[in-house]
N, C-alpha and C. Protein backbone atom coordinates (compact mmCIF):
# COMPACT_ATOMS: atom_id res chain seq x y z
N SER A 1 26.17 -13.97 24.75
CA SER A 1 26.25 -13.30 23.51
C SER A 1 25.03 -12.42 23.17
N ALA A 2 23.89 -12.85 23.74
CA ALA A 2 22.67 -12.06 23.51
C ALA A 2 22.80 -10.72 24.33
N GLN A 3 23.32 -10.87 25.51
CA GLN A 3 23.54 -9.62 26.38
C GLN A 3 24.51 -8.64 25.69
N ILE A 4 25.62 -9.26 25.13
CA ILE A 4 26.62 -8.42 24.44
C ILE A 4 25.94 -7.71 23.21
N ALA A 5 25.16 -8.45 22.41
CA ALA A 5 24.51 -7.83 21.27
C ALA A 5 23.53 -6.80 21.76
N ASP A 6 22.82 -6.98 22.86
CA ASP A 6 21.91 -6.01 23.43
C ASP A 6 22.67 -4.71 23.81
N LEU A 7 23.73 -4.96 24.48
CA LEU A 7 24.49 -3.77 24.95
C LEU A 7 25.08 -3.01 23.75
N GLN A 8 25.58 -3.74 22.74
CA GLN A 8 26.11 -3.07 21.52
C GLN A 8 25.04 -2.19 20.84
N GLN A 9 23.84 -2.77 20.76
CA GLN A 9 22.70 -2.12 20.15
C GLN A 9 22.40 -0.78 20.95
N LYS A 10 22.37 -0.97 22.28
CA LYS A 10 22.13 0.20 23.12
C LYS A 10 23.18 1.24 23.02
N LEU A 11 24.38 0.88 22.84
CA LEU A 11 25.45 1.90 22.60
C LEU A 11 25.35 2.58 21.30
N LEU A 12 24.95 1.80 20.29
CA LEU A 12 24.78 2.42 18.95
C LEU A 12 23.62 3.35 18.96
N ASP A 13 22.50 3.02 19.62
CA ASP A 13 21.34 3.93 19.76
C ASP A 13 21.71 5.22 20.47
N ALA A 14 22.46 5.02 21.61
CA ALA A 14 22.88 6.22 22.33
C ALA A 14 23.81 7.05 21.52
N ASP A 15 24.70 6.43 20.79
CA ASP A 15 25.66 7.21 19.96
C ASP A 15 24.93 8.00 18.92
N ASN A 16 23.88 7.38 18.24
CA ASN A 16 23.08 8.06 17.20
C ASN A 16 22.33 9.20 17.83
N GLY A 17 21.70 9.00 19.04
CA GLY A 17 21.09 10.10 19.65
C GLY A 17 22.03 11.29 20.09
N ASP A 18 23.20 10.90 20.52
CA ASP A 18 24.18 11.95 20.91
C ASP A 18 24.68 12.73 19.57
N ARG A 19 24.76 12.08 18.51
CA ARG A 19 25.20 12.70 17.27
C ARG A 19 24.16 13.76 16.87
N ALA A 20 22.91 13.35 16.92
CA ALA A 20 21.82 14.30 16.49
C ALA A 20 21.86 15.49 17.39
N LYS A 21 21.94 15.25 18.68
CA LYS A 21 22.02 16.36 19.66
C LYS A 21 23.20 17.16 19.42
N LEU A 22 24.36 16.54 19.16
CA LEU A 22 25.59 17.30 18.95
C LEU A 22 25.48 18.22 17.75
N ARG A 23 24.85 17.69 16.72
CA ARG A 23 24.68 18.45 15.52
C ARG A 23 23.89 19.84 15.71
N TRP A 24 22.80 19.61 16.54
CA TRP A 24 21.99 20.87 16.92
C TRP A 24 22.69 21.77 17.85
N ASP A 25 23.52 21.16 18.77
CA ASP A 25 24.29 21.91 19.72
C ASP A 25 25.42 22.71 19.06
N THR A 26 25.89 22.25 17.92
CA THR A 26 26.97 22.96 17.17
C THR A 26 26.52 24.16 16.41
N ILE A 27 25.25 24.34 16.18
CA ILE A 27 24.77 25.53 15.49
C ILE A 27 24.94 26.72 16.47
N ALA A 28 25.85 27.55 16.00
CA ALA A 28 26.15 28.70 16.92
C ALA A 28 25.79 30.03 16.32
N THR A 29 25.73 30.11 15.01
CA THR A 29 25.48 31.46 14.40
C THR A 29 24.11 31.42 13.66
N MET A 30 23.66 32.63 13.40
CA MET A 30 22.36 32.74 12.67
C MET A 30 22.51 32.14 11.28
N MET A 31 23.67 32.31 10.70
CA MET A 31 23.86 31.78 9.30
C MET A 31 23.73 30.22 9.34
N GLU A 32 24.34 29.64 10.39
CA GLU A 32 24.22 28.12 10.47
C GLU A 32 22.79 27.74 10.67
N ALA A 33 22.10 28.48 11.50
CA ALA A 33 20.70 28.23 11.78
C ALA A 33 19.84 28.41 10.52
N LYS A 34 20.15 29.36 9.70
CA LYS A 34 19.48 29.71 8.48
C LYS A 34 19.66 28.53 7.48
N CYS A 35 20.90 28.08 7.42
CA CYS A 35 21.20 26.91 6.50
C CYS A 35 20.53 25.72 6.97
N ALA A 36 20.53 25.44 8.22
CA ALA A 36 19.83 24.23 8.81
C ALA A 36 18.38 24.31 8.50
N LEU A 37 17.85 25.50 8.68
CA LEU A 37 16.36 25.67 8.44
C LEU A 37 16.00 25.47 6.98
N LYS A 38 16.86 26.05 6.11
CA LYS A 38 16.66 25.78 4.67
C LYS A 38 16.67 24.30 4.33
N TYR A 39 17.66 23.63 4.94
CA TYR A 39 17.80 22.12 4.63
C TYR A 39 16.58 21.49 5.09
N LEU A 40 16.11 21.77 6.34
CA LEU A 40 14.94 21.01 6.87
C LEU A 40 13.66 21.36 6.02
N MET A 41 13.61 22.70 5.56
CA MET A 41 12.35 23.00 4.76
C MET A 41 12.39 22.24 3.43
N GLY A 42 13.63 22.08 2.88
CA GLY A 42 13.74 21.32 1.66
C GLY A 42 13.37 19.88 1.89
N GLU A 43 13.84 19.30 2.92
CA GLU A 43 13.41 17.95 3.28
C GLU A 43 11.86 17.75 3.45
N LEU A 44 11.34 18.84 4.06
CA LEU A 44 9.85 18.79 4.32
C LEU A 44 9.09 18.82 3.01
N VAL A 45 9.52 19.71 2.08
CA VAL A 45 8.86 19.85 0.82
C VAL A 45 9.00 18.51 0.05
N SER A 46 10.23 18.03 0.05
CA SER A 46 10.49 16.68 -0.58
C SER A 46 9.53 15.60 -0.12
N SER A 47 9.47 15.55 1.22
CA SER A 47 8.59 14.43 1.82
C SER A 47 7.17 14.67 1.51
N LYS A 48 6.79 15.90 1.51
CA LYS A 48 5.35 16.24 1.09
C LYS A 48 5.10 15.84 -0.31
N LEU A 49 5.96 16.17 -1.19
CA LEU A 49 5.76 15.73 -2.60
C LEU A 49 5.68 14.21 -2.78
N GLN A 50 6.63 13.57 -2.10
CA GLN A 50 6.55 12.05 -2.11
C GLN A 50 5.25 11.57 -1.50
N GLU A 51 4.79 12.16 -0.45
CA GLU A 51 3.50 11.77 0.15
C GLU A 51 2.35 11.96 -0.83
N SER A 52 2.38 13.12 -1.47
CA SER A 52 1.31 13.39 -2.43
C SER A 52 1.37 12.38 -3.61
N LYS A 53 2.52 11.99 -4.11
CA LYS A 53 2.62 11.06 -5.25
C LYS A 53 2.12 9.71 -4.69
N LEU A 54 2.49 9.32 -3.53
CA LEU A 54 2.07 8.02 -3.01
C LEU A 54 0.54 8.02 -2.78
N GLN A 55 -0.03 9.10 -2.31
CA GLN A 55 -1.42 9.22 -2.11
C GLN A 55 -2.17 9.07 -3.46
N SER A 56 -1.70 9.76 -4.55
CA SER A 56 -2.27 9.67 -5.88
C SER A 56 -2.24 8.29 -6.31
N SER A 57 -1.03 7.60 -6.15
CA SER A 57 -0.90 6.19 -6.60
C SER A 57 -1.87 5.30 -5.86
N LEU A 58 -2.02 5.55 -4.56
CA LEU A 58 -2.98 4.72 -3.76
C LEU A 58 -4.41 4.90 -4.26
N GLU A 59 -4.79 6.21 -4.59
CA GLU A 59 -6.11 6.37 -5.08
C GLU A 59 -6.35 5.69 -6.38
N GLN A 60 -5.32 5.76 -7.32
CA GLN A 60 -5.45 5.10 -8.57
C GLN A 60 -5.60 3.59 -8.37
N SER A 61 -4.80 3.03 -7.54
CA SER A 61 -4.83 1.60 -7.19
C SER A 61 -6.21 1.22 -6.60
N GLN A 62 -6.76 2.04 -5.75
CA GLN A 62 -8.04 1.70 -5.20
C GLN A 62 -9.16 1.75 -6.30
N ALA A 63 -9.08 2.80 -7.18
CA ALA A 63 -10.09 2.88 -8.27
C ALA A 63 -9.90 1.65 -9.16
N SER A 64 -8.68 1.25 -9.50
CA SER A 64 -8.47 0.08 -10.32
C SER A 64 -9.08 -1.16 -9.62
N CYS A 65 -8.86 -1.26 -8.32
CA CYS A 65 -9.38 -2.43 -7.57
C CYS A 65 -10.88 -2.44 -7.62
N SER A 66 -11.45 -1.26 -7.44
CA SER A 66 -12.95 -1.19 -7.47
C SER A 66 -13.46 -1.60 -8.88
N GLU A 67 -12.80 -1.17 -9.89
CA GLU A 67 -13.18 -1.56 -11.25
C GLU A 67 -13.02 -3.07 -11.47
N MET A 68 -11.99 -3.61 -10.97
CA MET A 68 -11.80 -5.05 -11.11
C MET A 68 -12.83 -5.81 -10.36
N GLN A 69 -13.20 -5.39 -9.16
CA GLN A 69 -14.21 -6.02 -8.40
C GLN A 69 -15.54 -6.02 -9.11
N LYS A 70 -15.79 -4.84 -9.75
CA LYS A 70 -17.04 -4.66 -10.46
C LYS A 70 -17.10 -5.69 -11.66
N LEU A 71 -15.96 -5.75 -12.32
CA LEU A 71 -15.93 -6.69 -13.47
C LEU A 71 -16.02 -8.13 -13.01
N LEU A 72 -15.44 -8.51 -11.90
CA LEU A 72 -15.51 -9.81 -11.40
C LEU A 72 -16.96 -10.16 -10.98
N MET A 73 -17.65 -9.20 -10.38
CA MET A 73 -19.05 -9.46 -10.00
C MET A 73 -19.90 -9.64 -11.26
N GLU A 74 -19.65 -8.82 -12.30
CA GLU A 74 -20.42 -9.04 -13.55
C GLU A 74 -20.12 -10.36 -14.20
N GLU A 75 -18.88 -10.83 -14.19
CA GLU A 75 -18.51 -12.13 -14.68
C GLU A 75 -19.23 -13.26 -13.86
N ARG A 76 -19.22 -13.09 -12.53
CA ARG A 76 -19.89 -14.05 -11.70
C ARG A 76 -21.40 -14.21 -12.01
N ASN A 77 -21.99 -12.99 -12.16
CA ASN A 77 -23.46 -12.98 -12.53
C ASN A 77 -23.69 -13.66 -13.92
N HIS A 78 -22.81 -13.42 -14.80
CA HIS A 78 -22.93 -14.00 -16.10
C HIS A 78 -22.72 -15.49 -16.07
N THR A 79 -21.82 -15.94 -15.27
CA THR A 79 -21.60 -17.35 -15.05
C THR A 79 -22.79 -18.04 -14.48
N VAL A 80 -23.48 -17.39 -13.51
CA VAL A 80 -24.62 -17.92 -12.89
C VAL A 80 -25.73 -18.06 -13.89
N GLU A 81 -25.85 -17.01 -14.72
CA GLU A 81 -26.94 -16.98 -15.79
C GLU A 81 -26.70 -18.14 -16.77
N LEU A 82 -25.41 -18.33 -17.19
CA LEU A 82 -25.11 -19.38 -18.13
C LEU A 82 -25.41 -20.80 -17.49
N GLU A 83 -25.01 -20.95 -16.21
CA GLU A 83 -25.27 -22.15 -15.56
C GLU A 83 -26.74 -22.46 -15.41
N ALA A 84 -27.50 -21.47 -15.21
CA ALA A 84 -29.01 -21.65 -15.06
C ALA A 84 -29.51 -22.08 -16.55
N GLN A 85 -29.02 -21.47 -17.60
CA GLN A 85 -29.43 -21.81 -18.91
C GLN A 85 -29.10 -23.24 -19.21
N PHE A 86 -27.85 -23.69 -18.88
CA PHE A 86 -27.41 -25.01 -19.15
C PHE A 86 -28.24 -26.01 -18.34
N GLN A 87 -28.56 -25.63 -17.12
CA GLN A 87 -29.47 -26.47 -16.30
C GLN A 87 -30.82 -26.67 -16.98
N ASN A 88 -31.31 -25.59 -17.53
CA ASN A 88 -32.60 -25.66 -18.23
C ASN A 88 -32.50 -26.51 -19.46
N GLN A 89 -31.37 -26.41 -20.16
CA GLN A 89 -31.15 -27.24 -21.38
C GLN A 89 -31.09 -28.69 -20.95
N ILE A 90 -30.47 -28.98 -19.88
CA ILE A 90 -30.33 -30.40 -19.44
C ILE A 90 -31.70 -30.94 -19.11
N LEU A 91 -32.53 -30.09 -18.44
CA LEU A 91 -33.88 -30.56 -18.05
C LEU A 91 -34.75 -30.81 -19.29
N VAL A 92 -34.62 -29.94 -20.31
CA VAL A 92 -35.35 -30.04 -21.52
C VAL A 92 -34.94 -31.34 -22.20
N GLN A 93 -33.59 -31.52 -22.33
CA GLN A 93 -33.02 -32.78 -22.94
C GLN A 93 -33.50 -34.02 -22.28
N GLU A 94 -33.48 -33.97 -20.91
CA GLU A 94 -33.98 -35.16 -20.15
C GLU A 94 -35.45 -35.42 -20.42
N GLU A 95 -36.28 -34.38 -20.55
CA GLU A 95 -37.69 -34.59 -20.66
C GLU A 95 -37.84 -35.15 -22.13
N GLN A 96 -37.14 -34.64 -23.11
CA GLN A 96 -37.24 -35.09 -24.50
C GLN A 96 -36.78 -36.56 -24.57
N HIS A 97 -35.81 -36.90 -23.83
CA HIS A 97 -35.36 -38.28 -23.81
C HIS A 97 -36.33 -39.24 -23.24
N GLN A 98 -36.97 -38.79 -22.09
CA GLN A 98 -38.03 -39.56 -21.46
C GLN A 98 -39.26 -39.80 -22.36
N GLU A 99 -39.58 -38.73 -23.11
CA GLU A 99 -40.74 -38.85 -24.07
C GLU A 99 -40.38 -39.83 -25.13
N GLN A 100 -39.15 -39.81 -25.61
CA GLN A 100 -38.76 -40.73 -26.65
C GLN A 100 -38.77 -42.14 -26.23
N VAL A 101 -38.46 -42.34 -24.94
CA VAL A 101 -38.41 -43.70 -24.33
C VAL A 101 -39.73 -44.14 -24.04
């Protein structure tokens, strides 16, 4: 069954390749070539616009990620400072307790 599936896939791939070749082989007149060229140029423009939008979205996401990393680092630093202050307070409390004892 694996060999059959493999053969079926190969036939489908070959059929798709033949269809594309057949489409190009059927262009016989300048008018058909012109229409095909217009279609291809439209597809190219469309894909370039989509690429541009995706690139812009990627850049915005990267900027947002950088900002979040900066905020995270600031929060970590603040946490470290607070922890140091609390440790100091604990030491002071311990010293005061020992003095009272």
